[in-house]
PDB file of all heavy atoms in Angstrom:
ATOM      1  N   TYR A   1     102.842  93.149 158.894  1.00  0.00           N
ATOM      2  CA  TYR A   1     103.302  93.973 157.777  1.00  0.00           C
ATOM      3  C   TYR A   1     104.753  94.426 157.921  1.00  0.00           C
ATOM      4  O   TYR A   1     105.347  94.900 156.966  1.00  0.00           O
ATOM      5  CB  TYR A   1     102.390  95.180 157.548  1.00  0.00           C
ATOM      6  CG  TYR A   1     102.268  96.141 158.716  1.00  0.00           C
ATOM      7  CD1 TYR A   1     103.272  97.057 158.998  1.00  0.00           C
ATOM      8  CD2 TYR A   1     101.131  96.129 159.515  1.00  0.00           C
ATOM      9  CE1 TYR A   1     103.151  97.927 160.070  1.00  0.00           C
ATOM     10  CE2 TYR A   1     101.006  97.003 160.573  1.00  0.00           C
ATOM     11  CZ  TYR A   1     102.020  97.907 160.847  1.00  0.00           C
ATOM     12  OH  TYR A   1     101.905  98.768 161.905  1.00  0.00           O
ATOM     13  N   GLN A   2     105.325  94.269 159.097  1.00  0.00           N
ATOM     14  CA  GLN A   2     106.732  94.640 159.266  1.00  0.00           C
ATOM     15  C   GLN A   2     107.614  93.599 158.591  1.00  0.00           C
ATOM     16  O   GLN A   2     107.348  92.396 158.662  1.00  0.00           O
ATOM     17  CB  GLN A   2     107.081  94.685 160.756  1.00  0.00           C
ATOM     18  CG  GLN A   2     106.476  95.820 161.488  1.00  0.00           C
ATOM     19  CD  GLN A   2     107.491  96.895 161.792  1.00  0.00           C
ATOM     20  OE1 GLN A   2     108.686  96.737 161.586  1.00  0.00           O
ATOM     21  NE2 GLN A   2     107.001  97.997 162.287  1.00  0.00           N
ATOM     22  N   ARG A   3     108.662  94.065 157.973  1.00  0.00           N
ATOM     23  CA  ARG A   3     109.615  93.099 157.414  1.00  0.00           C
ATOM     24  C   ARG A   3     110.290  92.377 158.563  1.00  0.00           C
ATOM     25  O   ARG A   3     110.314  92.851 159.698  1.00  0.00           O
ATOM     26  CB  ARG A   3     110.646  93.792 156.519  1.00  0.00           C
ATOM     27  CG  ARG A   3     111.658  94.646 157.270  1.00  0.00           C
ATOM     28  CD  ARG A   3     112.601  95.317 156.280  1.00  0.00           C
ATOM     29  NE  ARG A   3     113.518  96.170 157.009  1.00  0.00           N
ATOM     30  CZ  ARG A   3     114.836  96.080 156.933  1.00  0.00           C
ATOM     31  NH1 ARG A   3     115.393  95.179 156.161  1.00  0.00           N
ATOM     32  NH2 ARG A   3     115.601  96.901 157.602  1.00  0.00           N
ATOM     33  N   GLY A   4     110.857  91.239 158.273  1.00  0.00           N
ATOM     34  CA  GLY A   4     111.556  90.471 159.302  1.00  0.00           C
ATOM     35  C   GLY A   4     112.836  91.158 159.742  1.00  0.00           C
ATOM     36  O   GLY A   4     113.278  92.146 159.151  1.00  0.00           O
ATOM     37  N   TYR A   5     113.442  90.609 160.779  1.00  0.00           N
ATOM     38  CA  TYR A   5     114.694  91.164 161.286  1.00  0.00           C
ATOM     39  C   TYR A   5     115.792  90.914 160.263  1.00  0.00           C
ATOM     40  O   TYR A   5     116.001  89.781 159.826  1.00  0.00           O
ATOM     41  CB  TYR A   5     115.058  90.518 162.630  1.00  0.00           C
ATOM     42  CG  TYR A   5     116.303  91.117 163.228  1.00  0.00           C
ATOM     43  CD1 TYR A   5     116.269  92.378 163.802  1.00  0.00           C
ATOM     44  CD2 TYR A   5     117.521  90.451 163.181  1.00  0.00           C
ATOM     45  CE1 TYR A   5     117.410  92.956 164.325  1.00  0.00           C
ATOM     46  CE2 TYR A   5     118.657  91.018 163.706  1.00  0.00           C
ATOM     47  CZ  TYR A   5     118.605  92.271 164.274  1.00  0.00           C
ATOM     48  OH  TYR A   5     119.744  92.838 164.794  1.00  0.00           O
ATOM     49  N   ARG A   6     116.495  91.986 159.859  1.00  0.00           N
ATOM     50  CA  ARG A   6     117.483  91.860 158.803  1.00  0.00           C
ATOM     51  C   ARG A   6     118.811  92.565 159.086  1.00  0.00           C
ATOM     52  O   ARG A   6     119.596  92.784 158.156  1.00  0.00           O
ATOM     53  CB  ARG A   6     116.927  92.387 157.466  1.00  0.00           C
ATOM     54  CG  ARG A   6     115.786  91.565 156.916  1.00  0.00           C
ATOM     55  CD  ARG A   6     116.220  90.140 156.597  1.00  0.00           C
ATOM     56  NE  ARG A   6     115.147  89.365 156.033  1.00  0.00           N
ATOM     57  CZ  ARG A   6     114.289  88.641 156.727  1.00  0.00           C
ATOM     58  NH1 ARG A   6     114.370  88.582 158.028  1.00  0.00           N
ATOM     59  NH2 ARG A   6     113.354  87.954 156.115  1.00  0.00           N
ATOM     60  N   TRP A   7     119.104  92.917 160.327  1.00  0.00           N
ATOM     61  CA  TRP A   7     120.390  93.553 160.575  1.00  0.00           C
ATOM     62  C   TRP A   7     121.508  92.544 160.420  1.00  0.00           C
ATOM     63  O   TRP A   7     121.408  91.394 160.855  1.00  0.00           O
ATOM     64  CB  TRP A   7     120.414  94.176 161.972  1.00  0.00           C
ATOM     65  CG  TRP A   7     119.928  95.593 161.972  1.00  0.00           C
ATOM     66  CD1 TRP A   7     119.012  96.151 161.140  1.00  0.00           C
ATOM     67  CD2 TRP A   7     120.330  96.629 162.868  1.00  0.00           C
ATOM     68  NE1 TRP A   7     118.813  97.471 161.459  1.00  0.00           N
ATOM     69  CE2 TRP A   7     119.613  97.785 162.513  1.00  0.00           C
ATOM     70  CE3 TRP A   7     121.207  96.689 163.935  1.00  0.00           C
ATOM     71  CZ2 TRP A   7     119.763  98.981 163.190  1.00  0.00           C
ATOM     72  CZ3 TRP A   7     121.357  97.875 164.602  1.00  0.00           C
ATOM     73  CH2 TRP A   7     120.647  99.014 164.221  1.00  0.00           C
ATOM     74  N   THR A   8     122.589  93.012 159.807  1.00  0.00           N
ATOM     75  CA  THR A   8     123.765  92.174 159.614  1.00  0.00           C
ATOM     76  C   THR A   8     124.812  92.505 160.680  1.00  0.00           C
ATOM     77  O   THR A   8     124.651  93.447 161.465  1.00  0.00           O
ATOM     78  CB  THR A   8     124.387  92.417 158.227  1.00  0.00           C
ATOM     79  OG1 THR A   8     124.904  93.750 158.180  1.00  0.00           O
ATOM     80  CG2 THR A   8     123.360  92.190 157.111  1.00  0.00           C
ATOM     81  N   LYS A   9     125.865  91.755 160.653  1.00  0.00           N
ATOM     82  CA  LYS A   9     126.982  91.976 161.570  1.00  0.00           C
ATOM     83  C   LYS A   9     127.473  93.423 161.497  1.00  0.00           C
ATOM     84  O   LYS A   9     127.777  94.035 162.518  1.00  0.00           O
ATOM     85  CB  LYS A   9     128.119  91.011 161.212  1.00  0.00           C
ATOM     86  CG  LYS A   9     129.368  91.176 162.015  1.00  0.00           C
ATOM     87  CD  LYS A   9     130.441  90.190 161.547  1.00  0.00           C
ATOM     88  CE  LYS A   9     131.724  90.404 162.310  1.00  0.00           C
ATOM     89  NZ  LYS A   9     132.779  89.482 161.874  1.00  0.00           N
ATOM     90  N   ASP A  10     127.524  93.987 160.304  1.00  0.00           N
ATOM     91  CA  ASP A  10     128.021  95.352 160.137  1.00  0.00           C
ATOM     92  C   ASP A  10     127.163  96.373 160.878  1.00  0.00           C
ATOM     93  O   ASP A  10     127.681  97.258 161.555  1.00  0.00           O
ATOM     94  CB  ASP A  10     128.087  95.721 158.651  1.00  0.00           C
ATOM     95  CG  ASP A  10     129.152  94.942 157.900  1.00  0.00           C
ATOM     96  OD1 ASP A  10     130.094  94.413 158.537  1.00  0.00           O
ATOM     97  OD2 ASP A  10     129.045  94.856 156.662  1.00  0.00           O
ATOM     98  N   GLU A  11     125.838  96.271 160.746  1.00  0.00           N
ATOM     99  CA  GLU A  11     124.952  97.220 161.440  1.00  0.00           C
ATOM    100  C   GLU A  11     125.039  97.053 162.951  1.00  0.00           C
ATOM    101  O   GLU A  11     125.068  98.033 163.697  1.00  0.00           O
ATOM    102  CB  GLU A  11     123.490  97.053 160.991  1.00  0.00           C
ATOM    103  CG  GLU A  11     123.192  97.625 159.643  1.00  0.00           C
ATOM    104  CD  GLU A  11     122.894  96.570 158.592  1.00  0.00           C
ATOM    105  OE1 GLU A  11     123.028  95.364 158.861  1.00  0.00           O
ATOM    106  OE2 GLU A  11     122.542  96.985 157.487  1.00  0.00           O
ATOM    107  N   VAL A  12     125.094  95.805 163.403  1.00  0.00           N
ATOM    108  CA  VAL A  12     125.172  95.536 164.847  1.00  0.00           C
ATOM    109  C   VAL A  12     126.476  96.090 165.406  1.00  0.00           C
ATOM    110  O   VAL A  12     126.482  96.786 166.431  1.00  0.00           O
ATOM    111  CB  VAL A  12     125.027  94.029 165.136  1.00  0.00           C
ATOM    112  CG1 VAL A  12     125.282  93.733 166.617  1.00  0.00           C
ATOM    113  CG2 VAL A  12     123.652  93.529 164.713  1.00  0.00           C
ATOM    114  N   GLN A  13     127.584  95.820 164.742  1.00  0.00           N
ATOM    115  CA  GLN A  13     128.879  96.310 165.222  1.00  0.00           C
ATOM    116  C   GLN A  13     128.947  97.837 165.169  1.00  0.00           C
ATOM    117  O   GLN A  13     129.526  98.450 166.067  1.00  0.00           O
ATOM    118  CB  GLN A  13     130.018  95.686 164.425  1.00  0.00           C
ATOM    119  CG  GLN A  13     130.227  94.241 164.789  1.00  0.00           C
ATOM    120  CD  GLN A  13     131.380  93.605 164.031  1.00  0.00           C
ATOM    121  OE1 GLN A  13     131.756  94.038 162.940  1.00  0.00           O
ATOM    122  NE2 GLN A  13     131.938  92.556 164.610  1.00  0.00           N
ATOM    123  N   ALA A  14     128.372  98.447 164.150  1.00  0.00           N
ATOM    124  CA  ALA A  14     128.364  99.912 164.072  1.00  0.00           C
ATOM    125  C   ALA A  14     127.599 100.502 165.254  1.00  0.00           C
ATOM    126  O   ALA A  14     128.038 101.484 165.862  1.00  0.00           O
ATOM    127  CB  ALA A  14     127.757 100.384 162.749  1.00  0.00           C
ATOM    128  N   LEU A  15     126.452  99.912 165.598  1.00  0.00           N
ATOM    129  CA  LEU A  15     125.695 100.384 166.751  1.00  0.00           C
ATOM    130  C   LEU A  15     126.497 100.200 168.032  1.00  0.00           C
ATOM    131  O   LEU A  15     126.582 101.116 168.859  1.00  0.00           O
ATOM    132  CB  LEU A  15     124.350  99.659 166.856  1.00  0.00           C
ATOM    133  CG  LEU A  15     123.492 100.032 168.068  1.00  0.00           C
ATOM    134  CD1 LEU A  15     123.154 101.528 168.081  1.00  0.00           C
ATOM    135  CD2 LEU A  15     122.218  99.182 168.098  1.00  0.00           C
ATOM    136  N   LEU A  16     127.105  99.044 168.203  1.00  0.00           N
ATOM    137  CA  LEU A  16     127.914  98.799 169.402  1.00  0.00           C
ATOM    138  C   LEU A  16     129.078  99.785 169.494  1.00  0.00           C
ATOM    139  O   LEU A  16     129.345 100.331 170.576  1.00  0.00           O
ATOM    140  CB  LEU A  16     128.446  97.359 169.401  1.00  0.00           C
ATOM    141  CG  LEU A  16     127.403  96.273 169.645  1.00  0.00           C
ATOM    142  CD1 LEU A  16     127.964  94.906 169.255  1.00  0.00           C
ATOM    143  CD2 LEU A  16     126.942  96.282 171.092  1.00  0.00           C
ATOM    144  N   ASP A  17     129.759 100.022 168.386  1.00  0.00           N
ATOM    145  CA  ASP A  17     130.866 100.984 168.374  1.00  0.00           C
ATOM    146  C   ASP A  17     130.387 102.385 168.749  1.00  0.00           C
ATOM    147  O   ASP A  17     131.034 103.083 169.539  1.00  0.00           O
ATOM    148  CB  ASP A  17     131.542 101.025 166.993  1.00  0.00           C
ATOM    149  CG  ASP A  17     132.353  99.770 166.686  1.00  0.00           C
ATOM    150  OD1 ASP A  17     132.708  99.029 167.612  1.00  0.00           O
ATOM    151  OD2 ASP A  17     132.611  99.540 165.478  1.00  0.00           O
ATOM    152  N   ASP A  18     129.251 102.793 168.185  1.00  0.00           N
ATOM    153  CA  ASP A  18     128.692 104.115 168.493  1.00  0.00           C
ATOM    154  C   ASP A  18     128.323 104.232 169.965  1.00  0.00           C
ATOM    155  O   ASP A  18     128.613 105.239 170.614  1.00  0.00           O
ATOM    156  CB  ASP A  18     127.447 104.396 167.646  1.00  0.00           C
ATOM    157  CG  ASP A  18     127.766 104.744 166.208  1.00  0.00           C
ATOM    158  OD1 ASP A  18     128.959 104.933 165.876  1.00  0.00           O
ATOM    159  OD2 ASP A  18     126.819 104.821 165.410  1.00  0.00           O
ATOM    160  N   LEU A  19     127.649 103.209 170.486  1.00  0.00           N
ATOM    161  CA  LEU A  19     127.237 103.239 171.897  1.00  0.00           C
ATOM    162  C   LEU A  19     128.449 103.279 172.818  1.00  0.00           C
ATOM    163  O   LEU A  19     128.471 104.027 173.803  1.00  0.00           O
ATOM    164  CB  LEU A  19     126.355 102.031 172.224  1.00  0.00           C
ATOM    165  CG  LEU A  19     124.965 102.027 171.613  1.00  0.00           C
ATOM    166  CD1 LEU A  19     124.289 100.678 171.839  1.00  0.00           C
ATOM    167  CD2 LEU A  19     124.116 103.169 172.164  1.00  0.00           C
ATOM    168  N   TYR A  20     129.456 102.484 172.486  1.00  0.00           N
ATOM    169  CA  TYR A  20     130.645 102.461 173.345  1.00  0.00           C
ATOM    170  C   TYR A  20     131.392 103.802 173.281  1.00  0.00           C
ATOM    171  O   TYR A  20     131.846 104.315 174.307  1.00  0.00           O
ATOM    172  CB  TYR A  20     131.570 101.306 172.971  1.00  0.00           C
ATOM    173  CG  TYR A  20     132.706 101.184 173.945  1.00  0.00           C
ATOM    174  CD1 TYR A  20     132.473 100.799 175.263  1.00  0.00           C
ATOM    175  CD2 TYR A  20     134.006 101.463 173.556  1.00  0.00           C
ATOM    176  CE1 TYR A  20     133.507 100.703 176.172  1.00  0.00           C
ATOM    177  CE2 TYR A  20     135.050 101.360 174.457  1.00  0.00           C
ATOM    178  CZ  TYR A  20     134.799 100.991 175.762  1.00  0.00           C
ATOM    179  OH  TYR A  20     135.838 100.901 176.663  1.00  0.00           O
ATOM    180  N   ALA A  21     131.499 104.391 172.109  1.00  0.00           N
ATOM    181  CA  ALA A  21     132.138 105.710 171.983  1.00  0.00           C
ATOM    182  C   ALA A  21     131.365 106.751 172.783  1.00  0.00           C
ATOM    183  O   ALA A  21     131.954 107.644 173.401  1.00  0.00           O
ATOM    184  CB  ALA A  21     132.234 106.120 170.517  1.00  0.00           C
ATOM    185  N   PHE A  22     130.039 106.633 172.798  1.00  0.00           N
ATOM    186  CA  PHE A  22     129.194 107.557 173.546  1.00  0.00           C
ATOM    187  C   PHE A  22     129.460 107.473 175.047  1.00  0.00           C
ATOM    188  O   PHE A  22     129.308 108.469 175.762  1.00  0.00           O
ATOM    189  CB  PHE A  22     127.716 107.271 173.243  1.00  0.00           C
ATOM    190  CG  PHE A  22     126.761 108.067 174.079  1.00  0.00           C
ATOM    191  CD1 PHE A  22     126.638 109.443 173.901  1.00  0.00           C
ATOM    192  CD2 PHE A  22     125.983 107.449 175.037  1.00  0.00           C
ATOM    193  CE1 PHE A  22     125.750 110.182 174.675  1.00  0.00           C
ATOM    194  CE2 PHE A  22     125.090 108.176 175.812  1.00  0.00           C
ATOM    195  CZ  PHE A  22     124.976 109.546 175.635  1.00  0.00           C
ATOM    196  N   CYS A  23     129.889 106.328 175.540  1.00  0.00           N
ATOM    197  CA  CYS A  23     130.180 106.170 176.976  1.00  0.00           C
ATOM    198  C   CYS A  23     131.184 107.211 177.475  1.00  0.00           C
ATOM    199  O   CYS A  23     131.080 107.674 178.606  1.00  0.00           O
ATOM    200  CB  CYS A  23     130.716 104.766 177.273  1.00  0.00           C
ATOM    201  SG  CYS A  23     129.485 103.467 177.173  1.00  0.00           S
ATOM    202  N   SER A  24     132.134 107.589 176.634  1.00  0.00           N
ATOM    203  CA  SER A  24     133.146 108.558 177.044  1.00  0.00           C
ATOM    204  C   SER A  24     132.979 109.912 176.357  1.00  0.00           C
ATOM    205  O   SER A  24     133.804 110.801 176.499  1.00  0.00           O
ATOM    206  CB  SER A  24     134.550 108.003 176.770  1.00  0.00           C
ATOM    207  OG  SER A  24     134.696 107.708 175.402  1.00  0.00           O
ATOM    208  N   ASP A  25     131.903 110.067 175.622  1.00  0.00           N
ATOM    209  CA  ASP A  25     131.593 111.305 174.921  1.00  0.00           C
ATOM    210  C   ASP A  25     131.081 112.355 175.908  1.00  0.00           C
ATOM    211  O   ASP A  25     130.584 112.026 176.981  1.00  0.00           O
ATOM    212  CB  ASP A  25     130.518 110.999 173.859  1.00  0.00           C
ATOM    213  CG  ASP A  25     130.346 112.110 172.856  1.00  0.00           C
ATOM    214  OD1 ASP A  25     129.635 113.062 173.190  1.00  0.00           O
ATOM    215  OD2 ASP A  25     130.890 111.996 171.754  1.00  0.00           O
ATOM    216  N   ALA A  26     131.158 113.614 175.532  1.00  0.00           N
ATOM    217  CA  ALA A  26     130.685 114.699 176.404  1.00  0.00           C
ATOM    218  C   ALA A  26     129.165 114.837 176.401  1.00  0.00           C
ATOM    219  O   ALA A  26     128.595 115.409 177.321  1.00  0.00           O
ATOM    220  CB  ALA A  26     131.314 116.026 175.970  1.00  0.00           C
ATOM    221  N   ASP A  27     128.505 114.311 175.377  1.00  0.00           N
ATOM    222  CA  ASP A  27     127.051 114.426 175.294  1.00  0.00           C
ATOM    223  C   ASP A  27     126.363 113.570 176.353  1.00  0.00           C
ATOM    224  O   ASP A  27     126.925 112.591 176.834  1.00  0.00           O
ATOM    225  CB  ASP A  27     126.554 113.997 173.911  1.00  0.00           C
ATOM    226  CG  ASP A  27     127.024 114.950 172.818  1.00  0.00           C
ATOM    227  OD1 ASP A  27     127.184 116.146 173.101  1.00  0.00           O
ATOM    228  OD2 ASP A  27     127.231 114.474 171.687  1.00  0.00           O
ATOM    229  N   ASN A  28     125.113 113.931 176.680  1.00  0.00           N
ATOM    230  CA  ASN A  28     124.351 113.182 177.676  1.00  0.00           C
ATOM    231  C   ASN A  28     123.292 112.281 177.073  1.00  0.00           C
ATOM    232  O   ASN A  28     122.794 111.388 177.739  1.00  0.00           O
ATOM    233  CB  ASN A  28     123.672 114.144 178.664  1.00  0.00           C
ATOM    234  CG  ASN A  28     124.683 114.816 179.555  1.00  0.00           C
ATOM    235  OD1 ASN A  28     125.709 114.251 179.874  1.00  0.00           O
ATOM    236  ND2 ASN A  28     124.390 116.030 179.944  1.00  0.00           N
ATOM    237  N   ILE A  29     122.920 112.531 175.803  1.00  0.00           N
ATOM    238  CA  ILE A  29     121.862 111.739 175.177  1.00  0.00           C
ATOM    239  C   ILE A  29     122.334 111.204 173.829  1.00  0.00           C
ATOM    240  O   ILE A  29     122.861 111.938 173.001  1.00  0.00           O
ATOM    241  CB  ILE A  29     120.568 112.564 174.996  1.00  0.00           C
ATOM    242  CG1 ILE A  29     120.000 112.913 176.366  1.00  0.00           C
ATOM    243  CG2 ILE A  29     119.542 111.808 174.167  1.00  0.00           C
ATOM    244  CD1 ILE A  29     118.697 113.668 176.344  1.00  0.00           C
ATOM    245  N   TYR A  30     122.126 109.915 173.634  1.00  0.00           N
ATOM    246  CA  TYR A  30     122.386 109.258 172.361  1.00  0.00           C
ATOM    247  C   TYR A  30     121.019 108.887 171.782  1.00  0.00           C
ATOM    248  O   TYR A  30     120.256 108.153 172.406  1.00  0.00           O
ATOM    249  CB  TYR A  30     123.233 108.001 172.562  1.00  0.00           C
ATOM    250  CG  TYR A  30     123.550 107.275 171.275  1.00  0.00           C
ATOM    251  CD1 TYR A  30     124.735 107.537 170.599  1.00  0.00           C
ATOM    252  CD2 TYR A  30     122.679 106.332 170.741  1.00  0.00           C
ATOM    253  CE1 TYR A  30     125.038 106.882 169.411  1.00  0.00           C
ATOM    254  CE2 TYR A  30     122.972 105.666 169.559  1.00  0.00           C
ATOM    255  CZ  TYR A  30     124.154 105.950 168.904  1.00  0.00           C
ATOM    256  OH  TYR A  30     124.449 105.299 167.736  1.00  0.00           O
ATOM    257  N   CYS A  31     120.715 109.385 170.602  1.00  0.00           N
ATOM    258  CA  CYS A  31     119.399 109.196 170.003  1.00  0.00           C
ATOM    259  C   CYS A  31     119.428 108.071 168.965  1.00  0.00           C
ATOM    260  O   CYS A  31     120.268 108.065 168.075  1.00  0.00           O
ATOM    261  CB  CYS A  31     118.935 110.498 169.359  1.00  0.00           C
ATOM    262  SG  CYS A  31     117.278 110.373 168.731  1.00  0.00           S
ATOM    263  N   LEU A  32     118.485 107.155 169.100  1.00  0.00           N
ATOM    264  CA  LEU A  32     118.397 105.986 168.231  1.00  0.00           C
ATOM    265  C   LEU A  32     117.410 106.124 167.081  1.00  0.00           C
ATOM    266  O   LEU A  32     117.063 105.134 166.462  1.00  0.00           O
ATOM    267  CB  LEU A  32     117.974 104.770 169.058  1.00  0.00           C
ATOM    268  CG  LEU A  32     119.021 104.247 170.007  1.00  0.00           C
ATOM    269  CD1 LEU A  32     118.386 103.338 171.041  1.00  0.00           C
ATOM    270  CD2 LEU A  32     120.095 103.507 169.246  1.00  0.00           C
ATOM    271  N   GLN A  33     116.912 107.292 166.825  1.00  0.00           N
ATOM    272  CA  GLN A  33     115.918 107.502 165.778  1.00  0.00           C
ATOM    273  C   GLN A  33     114.535 107.118 166.286  1.00  0.00           C
ATOM    274  O   GLN A  33     114.365 106.727 167.424  1.00  0.00           O
ATOM    275  CB  GLN A  33     116.285 106.762 164.492  1.00  0.00           C
ATOM    276  CG  GLN A  33     117.622 107.157 163.899  1.00  0.00           C
ATOM    277  CD  GLN A  33     117.724 108.633 163.574  1.00  0.00           C
ATOM    278  OE1 GLN A  33     116.798 109.250 163.123  1.00  0.00           O
ATOM    279  NE2 GLN A  33     118.899 109.201 163.805  1.00  0.00           N
ATOM    280  N   PRO A  34     113.528 107.196 165.429  1.00  0.00           N
ATOM    281  CA  PRO A  34     112.148 107.023 165.897  1.00  0.00           C
ATOM    282  C   PRO A  34     111.771 105.597 166.279  1.00  0.00           C
ATOM    283  O   PRO A  34     112.239 104.628 165.692  1.00  0.00           O
ATOM    284  CB  PRO A  34     111.304 107.461 164.702  1.00  0.00           C
ATOM    285  CG  PRO A  34     112.200 108.277 163.854  1.00  0.00           C
ATOM    286  CD  PRO A  34     113.576 107.725 164.061  1.00  0.00           C
ATOM    287  N   LEU A  35     110.911 105.529 167.263  1.00  0.00           N
ATOM    288  CA  LEU A  35     110.177 104.319 167.607  1.00  0.00           C
ATOM    289  C   LEU A  35     108.715 104.743 167.563  1.00  0.00           C
ATOM    290  O   LEU A  35     108.266 105.545 168.384  1.00  0.00           O
ATOM    291  CB  LEU A  35     110.557 103.812 169.006  1.00  0.00           C
ATOM    292  CG  LEU A  35     109.853 102.541 169.474  1.00  0.00           C
ATOM    293  CD1 LEU A  35     110.228 101.351 168.577  1.00  0.00           C
ATOM    294  CD2 LEU A  35     110.214 102.232 170.921  1.00  0.00           C
ATOM    295  N   VAL A  36     108.007 104.264 166.541  1.00  0.00           N
ATOM    296  CA  VAL A  36     106.608 104.646 166.355  1.00  0.00           C
ATOM    297  C   VAL A  36     105.743 103.541 166.938  1.00  0.00           C
ATOM    298  O   VAL A  36     105.862 102.368 166.539  1.00  0.00           O
ATOM    299  CB  VAL A  36     106.288 104.882 164.858  1.00  0.00           C
ATOM    300  CG1 VAL A  36     104.837 105.298 164.681  1.00  0.00           C
ATOM    301  CG2 VAL A  36     107.231 105.934 164.271  1.00  0.00           C
ATOM    302  N   LEU A  37     104.876 103.928 167.880  1.00  0.00           N
ATOM    303  CA  LEU A  37     104.058 102.964 168.610  1.00  0.00           C
ATOM    304  C   LEU A  37     102.573 103.263 168.427  1.00  0.00           C
ATOM    305  O   LEU A  37     102.182 104.416 168.276  1.00  0.00           O
ATOM    306  CB  LEU A  37     104.388 103.017 170.104  1.00  0.00           C
ATOM    307  CG  LEU A  37     105.842 102.783 170.488  1.00  0.00           C
ATOM    308  CD1 LEU A  37     106.046 103.045 171.971  1.00  0.00           C
ATOM    309  CD2 LEU A  37     106.274 101.373 170.119  1.00  0.00           C
ATOM    310  N   GLU A  38     101.793 102.211 168.498  1.00  0.00           N
ATOM    311  CA  GLU A  38     100.348 102.348 168.548  1.00  0.00           C
ATOM    312  C   GLU A  38      99.880 101.624 169.807  1.00  0.00           C
ATOM    313  O   GLU A  38     100.086 100.418 169.953  1.00  0.00           O
ATOM    314  CB  GLU A  38      99.682 101.709 167.330  1.00  0.00           C
ATOM    315  CG  GLU A  38      98.168 101.738 167.404  1.00  0.00           C
ATOM    316  CD  GLU A  38      97.487 100.915 166.318  1.00  0.00           C
ATOM    317  OE1 GLU A  38      98.175 100.253 165.516  1.00  0.00           O
ATOM    318  OE2 GLU A  38      96.253 100.919 166.298  1.00  0.00           O
ATOM    319  N   LYS A  39      99.280 102.367 170.723  1.00  0.00           N
ATOM    320  CA  LYS A  39      98.718 101.779 171.941  1.00  0.00           C
ATOM    321  C   LYS A  39      97.271 101.422 171.634  1.00  0.00           C
ATOM    322  O   LYS A  39      96.438 102.307 171.488  1.00  0.00           O
ATOM    323  CB  LYS A  39      98.794 102.774 173.095  1.00  0.00           C
ATOM    324  CG  LYS A  39     100.190 103.151 173.473  1.00  0.00           C
ATOM    325  CD  LYS A  39     100.604 102.366 174.667  1.00  0.00           C
ATOM    326  CE  LYS A  39     101.931 102.900 175.154  1.00  0.00           C
ATOM    327  NZ  LYS A  39     102.067 102.812 176.558  1.00  0.00           N
ATOM    328  N   ARG A  40      96.985 100.153 171.527  1.00  0.00           N
ATOM    329  CA  ARG A  40      95.637  99.710 171.145  1.00  0.00           C
ATOM    330  C   ARG A  40      94.711  99.631 172.357  1.00  0.00           C
ATOM    331  O   ARG A  40      95.158  99.496 173.494  1.00  0.00           O
ATOM    332  CB  ARG A  40      95.718  98.358 170.460  1.00  0.00           C
ATOM    333  CG  ARG A  40      96.431  98.457 169.123  1.00  0.00           C
ATOM    334  CD  ARG A  40      96.168  97.265 168.280  1.00  0.00           C
ATOM    335  NE  ARG A  40      96.807  97.426 166.984  1.00  0.00           N
ATOM    336  CZ  ARG A  40      97.132  96.424 166.204  1.00  0.00           C
ATOM    337  NH1 ARG A  40      96.878  95.181 166.560  1.00  0.00           N
ATOM    338  NH2 ARG A  40      97.692  96.646 165.046  1.00  0.00           N
TER     339      ARG A  40
END
């Protein structure tokens, strides 16, 4: 039921830019939003 993988170059580069900026940021945690899991 999950849609297929649909990230474009723009989303990937935005994530990479954010992660790299976080490397020198004062914060200790970078949050990626929810990961909802079902342990069967």
